[in-house]
Amino acid sequence: MNIYRPLASLAFVSLGVAGLARQPVGSPSGARQGVSARKVLFTFGRELIFLDVATLRVDRLQVPGGQLPQQAAASPDGQTIAYTATARSRGAQLYLWKLEEPTPRMVGENSGYYADPRFSADGRWIYFAHNREGMGRPTAHMGQAYAQLYRMRPDGTAFEALSDEKGCHYSPAPAVNHVYFIHTLCHRSSRQIESLDLRTGKTRQLESFANAEDLAVTDGAESMAWVIRSVETMRVLMRGRGKSRPIELFKLRKTSDAMQLTWLDRDRLAFAYRHSIWTWSKTAGLRAVLDLKTTAPPQHASEPESACTDCARAEAP
């Protein structure tokens, strides 16, 4: 694997928008304000949904310029957003938005398709998948226009390729001198979960499952979780450090939307399901946090409609 391949030609494009549309939940004034640290980020329609890790309070911000954000991530201090959105006559491009500034800007190569932005735990890097010759997300491309792993600094500099192998590399999850990701040869459903050692450039295969997606790893790499989609269900699996095999945490009826799986800390997961934000933990199980259509806690059942009656709960990693 060829690691650290800088690209010389970068594009920085600012969106020409006059102001922000920012409506934090619970803030009657809706005044401009930064988003505090320790938050994870979801997308819903034209909004960015910030979930506070400690309090589970939610802030909602609308992306300026009428853009429809597809995938998004917040820096550890909560002040910089990386997100993908479709640009005119091009595939999804990568944008950076410093919240003290009025508008986001397009960064990276001004071509191809971007997906799955993630910040490192120290906030020094943004990792993402980039298909330089494609117009569709990873695995949806013509010929051998494979998506590869990339990273860059939060100021848009030091744009580097981290992979150049056959097959698509996507869903990066950085943790402790490594970046974990999904790798597939694209012509079949089998997908490998692999790790890349950022110090040596060596990769290692950890798991292999059909239709794996939405990889999430805790900051300390104590646990990783991912989604397995089948015809009717979505299974969330977890493997703890030192464990020889993964266990199933829960199983839901399949929807067309991504679950946007993310760890709040080493014990709690958060995800989006049927227009609501949910959390999971070993002690509390599944818990509804917010109905995204009403800005209030969901009033339906205490768990999403499950396709199983005896889903396994997690063991301590």
Protein backbone atom coordinates (compact mmCIF):
# COMPACT_ATOMS: atom_id res chain seq x y z
CA MET A 1 0.00 0.00 0.00
CA ASN A 2 1.29 3.44 -0.94
CA ILE A 3 0.81 5.80 2.00
CA TYR A 4 1.20 9.60 2.21
CA ARG A 5 0.91 10.60 -1.46
CA PRO A 6 0.30 14.39 -1.46
CA LEU A 7 -1.66 16.01 -4.27
CA ALA A 8 -0.50 19.35 -5.56
CA SER A 9 -3.70 20.65 -7.17
CA LEU A 10 -6.31 21.72 -4.61
CA ALA A 11 -9.47 23.74 -5.03
CA PHE A 12 -10.89 26.06 -2.38
CA VAL A 13 -14.35 27.32 -3.27
CA SER A 14 -16.50 29.44 -0.96
CA LEU A 15 -20.28 29.24 -1.05
CA GLY A 16 -21.76 32.64 -1.83
CA VAL A 17 -24.37 32.89 0.92
CA ALA A 18 -25.21 35.92 2.99
CA GLY A 19 -25.80 34.29 6.37
CA LEU A 20 -26.57 31.28 8.52
CA ALA A 21 -29.78 29.53 9.40
CA ARG A 22 -29.11 28.23 12.87
CA GLN A 23 -31.85 27.00 15.21
CA PRO A 24 -30.60 25.19 18.31
CA VAL A 25 -33.27 23.13 20.04
CA GLY A 26 -34.23 24.76 23.32
CA SER A 27 -32.83 28.17 22.32
CA PRO A 28 -35.76 30.59 21.98
CA SER A 29 -33.67 33.31 20.42
CA GLY A 30 -32.04 31.13 17.77
CA ALA A 31 -29.06 33.51 17.94
CA ARG A 32 -25.76 32.74 16.26
CA GLN A 33 -23.64 30.67 18.57
CA GLY A 34 -20.90 28.09 18.38
CA VAL A 35 -21.55 24.43 19.05
CA SER A 36 -19.78 23.19 22.16
CA ALA A 37 -17.27 20.37 22.31
CA ARG A 38 -18.05 16.65 22.78
CA LYS A 39 -20.79 16.37 20.21
CA VAL A 40 -21.47 13.89 17.44
CA LEU A 41 -23.13 14.83 14.20
CA PHE A 42 -25.99 13.47 12.08
CA THR A 43 -27.63 14.73 8.90
CA PHE A 44 -31.38 15.07 8.35
CA GLY A 45 -32.67 16.78 5.23
CA ARG A 46 -30.91 20.16 5.01
CA GLU A 47 -29.99 20.14 8.69
CA LEU A 48 -26.99 19.14 10.75
CA ILE A 49 -28.05 17.49 14.02
CA PHE A 50 -25.57 17.86 16.92
CA LEU A 51 -25.97 15.41 19.82
CA ASP A 52 -24.20 16.35 23.06
CA VAL A 53 -22.35 13.29 24.34
CA ALA A 54 -22.82 14.14 28.02
CA THR A 55 -26.37 15.52 28.15
CA LEU A 56 -27.93 14.14 24.92
CA ARG A 57 -29.13 17.68 24.22
CA VAL A 58 -29.64 18.38 20.52
CA ASP A 59 -28.72 21.44 18.43
CA ARG A 60 -29.92 21.81 14.85
CA LEU A 61 -28.16 23.90 12.21
CA GLN A 62 -29.21 24.43 8.62
CA VAL A 63 -26.46 24.36 6.02
CA PRO A 64 -26.39 27.70 4.17
CA GLY A 65 -26.94 27.93 0.45
CA GLY A 66 -29.74 25.38 0.29
CA GLN A 67 -27.32 22.46 0.22
CA LEU A 68 -28.42 18.95 1.15
CA PRO A 69 -25.65 17.47 3.34
CA GLN A 70 -25.21 13.75 2.81
CA GLN A 71 -22.63 12.82 5.44
CA ALA A 72 -21.03 15.00 8.10
CA ALA A 73 -18.59 15.00 11.00
CA ALA A 74 -17.71 17.53 13.71
CA SER A 75 -14.23 18.29 15.04
CA PRO A 76 -13.59 17.36 18.69
CA ASP A 77 -13.96 21.01 19.76
CA GLY A 78 -17.24 21.25 17.85
CA GLN A 79 -16.16 24.31 15.87
CA THR A 80 -15.42 22.82 12.44
CA ILE A 81 -17.74 20.72 10.29
CA ALA A 82 -16.71 18.47 7.40
CA TYR A 83 -19.57 17.34 5.18
CA THR A 84 -20.31 16.08 1.69
CA ALA A 85 -22.93 17.55 -0.62
CA THR A 86 -23.64 17.27 -4.34
CA ALA A 87 -22.13 20.11 -6.36
CA ARG A 88 -23.58 21.35 -9.62
CA SER A 89 -22.88 18.88 -12.49
CA ARG A 90 -20.51 16.90 -10.25
CA GLY A 91 -20.67 14.14 -7.68
CA ALA A 92 -20.63 14.74 -3.94
CA GLN A 93 -17.87 17.18 -2.99
CA LEU A 94 -16.21 17.82 0.37
CA TYR A 95 -16.85 21.03 2.32
CA LEU A 96 -15.35 22.51 5.48
CA TRP A 97 -17.34 24.92 7.61
CA LYS A 98 -15.74 26.78 10.51
CA LEU A 99 -18.75 27.85 12.52
CA GLU A 100 -17.37 31.30 13.30
CA GLU A 101 -17.39 31.93 9.54
CA PRO A 102 -20.60 32.64 7.57
CA THR A 103 -20.14 30.11 4.77
CA PRO A 104 -18.56 26.70 4.09
CA ARG A 105 -15.93 26.22 1.41
CA MET A 106 -15.25 23.37 -0.98
CA VAL A 107 -11.86 21.71 -0.43
CA GLY A 108 -9.75 19.03 -2.07
CA GLU A 109 -9.75 18.04 -5.71
CA ASN A 110 -12.55 19.71 -7.62
CA SER A 111 -13.69 16.44 -9.22
CA GLY A 112 -14.82 12.92 -8.46
CA TYR A 113 -16.90 11.85 -5.47
CA TYR A 114 -16.31 12.23 -1.72
CA ALA A 115 -17.82 10.20 1.12
CA ASP A 116 -17.58 9.34 4.82
CA PRO A 117 -15.67 12.27 6.42
CA ARG A 118 -14.36 11.58 9.93
CA PHE A 119 -12.18 13.64 12.27
CA SER A 120 -9.35 12.07 14.22
CA ALA A 121 -9.76 12.16 18.00
CA ASP A 122 -7.09 14.87 18.33
CA GLY A 123 -8.74 16.97 15.60
CA ARG A 124 -5.56 17.17 13.51
CA TRP A 125 -6.85 15.21 10.49
CA ILE A 126 -10.01 14.61 8.50
CA TYR A 127 -10.25 11.15 6.93
CA PHE A 128 -12.57 10.37 4.02
CA ALA A 129 -13.14 8.22 0.94
CA HIS A 130 -12.54 9.77 -2.48
CA ASN A 131 -13.30 8.37 -5.91
CA ARG A 132 -11.24 10.64 -8.18
CA GLU A 133 -12.86 9.45 -11.43
CA GLY A 134 -16.33 8.48 -10.27
CA MET A 135 -19.68 10.21 -9.94
CA GLY A 136 -21.19 7.74 -7.46
CA ARG A 137 -20.41 6.76 -3.91
CA PRO A 138 -17.97 3.91 -3.14
CA THR A 139 -18.92 0.61 -4.86
CA ALA A 140 -21.15 2.53 -7.33
CA HIS A 141 -18.78 3.26 -10.19
CA MET A 142 -17.78 2.25 -13.70
CA GLY A 143 -14.76 0.11 -14.47
CA GLN A 144 -11.94 0.39 -11.95
CA ALA A 145 -12.65 3.91 -10.69
CA TYR A 146 -12.21 2.73 -7.10
CA ALA A 147 -12.69 4.86 -4.01
CA GLN A 148 -9.52 5.20 -1.94
CA LEU A 149 -8.76 6.47 1.56
CA TYR A 150 -7.52 10.04 1.94
CA ARG A 151 -6.88 12.53 4.69
CA MET A 152 -6.17 16.25 5.05
CA ARG A 153 -5.73 18.91 7.69
CA PRO A 154 -8.79 20.78 8.97
CA ASP A 155 -7.55 23.90 7.16
CA GLY A 156 -7.79 22.03 3.82
CA THR A 157 -4.03 21.48 3.36
CA ALA A 158 -1.87 18.32 3.27
CA PHE A 159 -4.28 16.39 1.02
CA GLU A 160 -2.88 12.81 1.09
CA ALA A 161 -3.84 9.44 -0.38
CA LEU A 162 -3.57 6.55 2.08
CA SER A 163 -4.45 3.67 -0.24
CA ASP A 164 -4.06 2.78 -3.91
CA GLU A 165 -5.08 -0.89 -4.04
CA LYS A 166 -7.68 -2.57 -6.22
CA GLY A 167 -11.19 -2.28 -4.85
CA CYS A 168 -13.07 0.42 -2.94
CA HIS A 169 -11.87 1.62 0.46
CA TYR A 170 -14.42 3.58 2.51
CA SER A 171 -16.08 4.23 5.88
CA PRO A 172 -12.80 5.28 7.57
CA ALA A 173 -12.72 5.28 11.38
CA PRO A 174 -9.47 6.72 12.83
CA ALA A 175 -8.27 5.57 16.27
CA VAL A 176 -4.87 5.36 18.03
CA ASN A 177 -2.33 5.55 15.18
CA HIS A 178 -4.61 3.49 12.93
CA VAL A 179 -7.49 4.06 10.58
CA TYR A 180 -10.05 1.28 10.28
CA PHE A 181 -12.06 0.95 7.08
CA ILE A 182 -14.12 -1.30 4.81
CA HIS A 183 -12.52 -2.78 1.69
CA THR A 184 -14.34 -4.56 -1.12
CA LEU A 185 -13.42 -5.69 -4.63
CA CYS A 186 -16.87 -4.40 -5.70
CA HIS A 187 -17.81 -7.31 -7.96
CA ARG A 188 -19.29 -9.31 -5.07
CA SER A 189 -20.98 -8.61 -1.73
CA SER A 190 -18.06 -9.73 0.45
CA ARG A 191 -16.46 -6.87 2.38
CA GLN A 192 -13.46 -6.87 4.69
CA ILE A 193 -12.95 -4.71 7.74
CA GLU A 194 -9.28 -3.77 7.78
CA SER A 195 -6.90 -1.57 9.75
CA LEU A 196 -4.11 0.62 8.39
CA ASP A 197 -1.17 1.35 10.69
CA LEU A 198 -0.41 5.03 10.05
CA ARG A 199 3.16 4.59 11.32
CA THR A 200 4.17 1.73 9.02
CA GLY A 201 1.60 1.83 6.20
CA LYS A 202 0.77 -1.86 6.74
CA THR A 203 -2.80 -3.16 6.57
CA ARG A 204 -4.41 -6.06 8.43
CA GLN A 205 -7.73 -7.80 7.80
CA LEU A 206 -9.89 -8.05 10.91
CA GLU A 207 -13.31 -9.29 9.77
CA SER A 208 -15.08 -10.37 6.59
CA PHE A 209 -18.85 -10.06 6.11
CA ALA A 210 -21.22 -9.68 3.19
CA ASN A 211 -22.78 -6.21 2.92
CA ALA A 212 -20.93 -4.65 5.86
CA GLU A 213 -21.21 -0.84 6.12
CA ASP A 214 -21.24 2.11 8.51
CA LEU A 215 -18.09 1.19 10.47
CA ALA A 216 -17.57 2.97 13.80
CA VAL A 217 -14.60 2.60 16.19
CA THR A 218 -14.15 4.06 19.67
CA ASP A 219 -11.41 6.68 20.02
CA GLY A 220 -9.25 4.27 21.99
CA ALA A 221 -9.98 1.35 19.64
CA GLU A 222 -11.54 -0.63 22.51
CA SER A 223 -14.51 -1.60 20.33
CA MET A 224 -15.71 -1.41 16.76
CA ALA A 225 -19.26 -1.74 15.47
CA TRP A 226 -20.76 -2.04 12.02
CA VAL A 227 -24.02 -2.68 10.19
CA ILE A 228 -24.89 -5.76 8.13
CA ARG A 229 -27.75 -5.22 5.68
CA SER A 230 -29.80 -8.13 4.39
CA VAL A 231 -33.03 -8.28 2.41
CA GLU A 232 -35.24 -7.48 5.41
CA THR A 233 -33.02 -6.52 8.33
CA MET A 234 -30.10 -4.41 9.55
CA ARG A 235 -27.92 -6.13 12.14
CA VAL A 236 -25.52 -4.15 14.32
CA LEU A 237 -22.47 -6.17 15.34
CA MET A 238 -19.71 -5.30 17.78
CA ARG A 239 -16.25 -6.72 18.38
CA GLY A 240 -14.30 -5.72 21.47
CA ARG A 241 -10.53 -5.56 21.70
CA GLY A 242 -9.10 -9.00 22.38
CA LYS A 243 -12.32 -10.78 21.40
CA SER A 244 -12.04 -13.52 18.78
CA ARG A 245 -15.45 -12.94 17.24
CA PRO A 246 -18.14 -10.25 17.11
CA ILE A 247 -21.50 -10.35 18.84
CA GLU A 248 -24.85 -9.02 17.68
CA LEU A 249 -26.11 -6.02 19.65
CA PHE A 250 -29.52 -5.63 18.04
CA LYS A 251 -31.37 -6.15 14.78
CA LEU A 252 -33.87 -3.79 13.11
CA ARG A 253 -36.16 -3.88 10.14
CA LYS A 254 -34.35 -2.60 7.09
CA THR A 255 -34.81 0.95 5.83
CA SER A 256 -33.21 2.68 2.87
CA ASP A 257 -31.48 5.32 5.03
CA ALA A 258 -27.99 5.01 6.47
CA MET A 259 -27.88 4.45 10.23
CA GLN A 260 -24.97 6.90 10.69
CA LEU A 261 -23.59 4.67 13.44
CA THR A 262 -21.24 6.44 15.87
CA TRP A 263 -19.80 5.91 19.35
CA LEU A 264 -20.62 8.49 22.02
CA ASP A 265 -17.97 6.93 24.28
CA ARG A 266 -16.59 3.45 24.81
CA ASP A 267 -19.93 2.17 26.17
CA ARG A 268 -22.63 3.94 24.14
CA LEU A 269 -23.61 3.95 20.47
CA ALA A 270 -25.83 6.46 18.70
CA PHE A 271 -27.59 6.06 15.37
CA ALA A 272 -30.39 7.36 13.17
CA TYR A 273 -33.41 5.18 12.47
CA ARG A 274 -36.77 6.09 10.92
CA HIS A 275 -36.39 9.85 11.38
CA SER A 276 -35.28 9.57 15.01
CA ILE A 277 -31.99 9.56 16.91
CA TRP A 278 -31.42 6.56 19.19
CA THR A 279 -28.74 5.43 21.60
CA TRP A 280 -27.71 1.96 22.72
CA SER A 281 -25.76 0.83 25.77
CA LYS A 282 -25.35 -2.46 27.59
CA THR A 283 -27.07 -1.11 30.69
CA ALA A 284 -29.93 0.88 29.10
CA GLY A 285 -30.46 -0.98 25.84
CA LEU A 286 -32.12 1.05 23.08
CA ARG A 287 -33.30 4.54 23.99
CA ALA A 288 -35.08 7.17 21.92
CA VAL A 289 -33.46 10.63 22.04
CA LEU A 290 -35.20 12.80 19.45
CA ASP A 291 -37.92 12.64 16.83
CA LEU A 292 -36.32 14.64 14.01
CA LYS A 293 -39.68 15.59 12.54
CA THR A 294 -41.04 17.17 15.72
CA THR A 295 -37.88 18.28 17.64
CA ALA A 296 -39.18 16.31 20.65
CA PRO A 297 -38.49 12.90 22.17
CA PRO A 298 -40.34 10.20 20.19
CA GLN A 299 -43.75 9.28 21.56
CA HIS A 300 -43.86 5.77 20.07
CA ALA A 301 -42.59 2.56 21.64
CA SER A 302 -39.44 2.56 23.77
CA GLU A 303 -37.54 0.60 21.09
CA PRO A 304 -37.46 0.70 17.31
CA GLU A 305 -39.49 -2.05 15.70
CA SER A 306 -37.16 -5.03 15.98
CA ALA A 307 -36.94 -8.01 13.68
CA CYS A 308 -35.78 -10.29 16.48
CA THR A 309 -37.05 -11.19 19.93
CA ASP A 310 -33.84 -12.34 21.62
CA CYS A 311 -31.14 -10.03 20.26
CA ALA A 312 -27.81 -10.46 22.00
CA ARG A 313 -26.54 -7.72 24.30
CA ALA A 314 -22.91 -6.67 24.38
CA GLU A 315 -20.28 -8.12 26.64
CA ALA A 316 -17.72 -5.78 28.13
CA PRO A 317 -14.83 -5.32 25.69
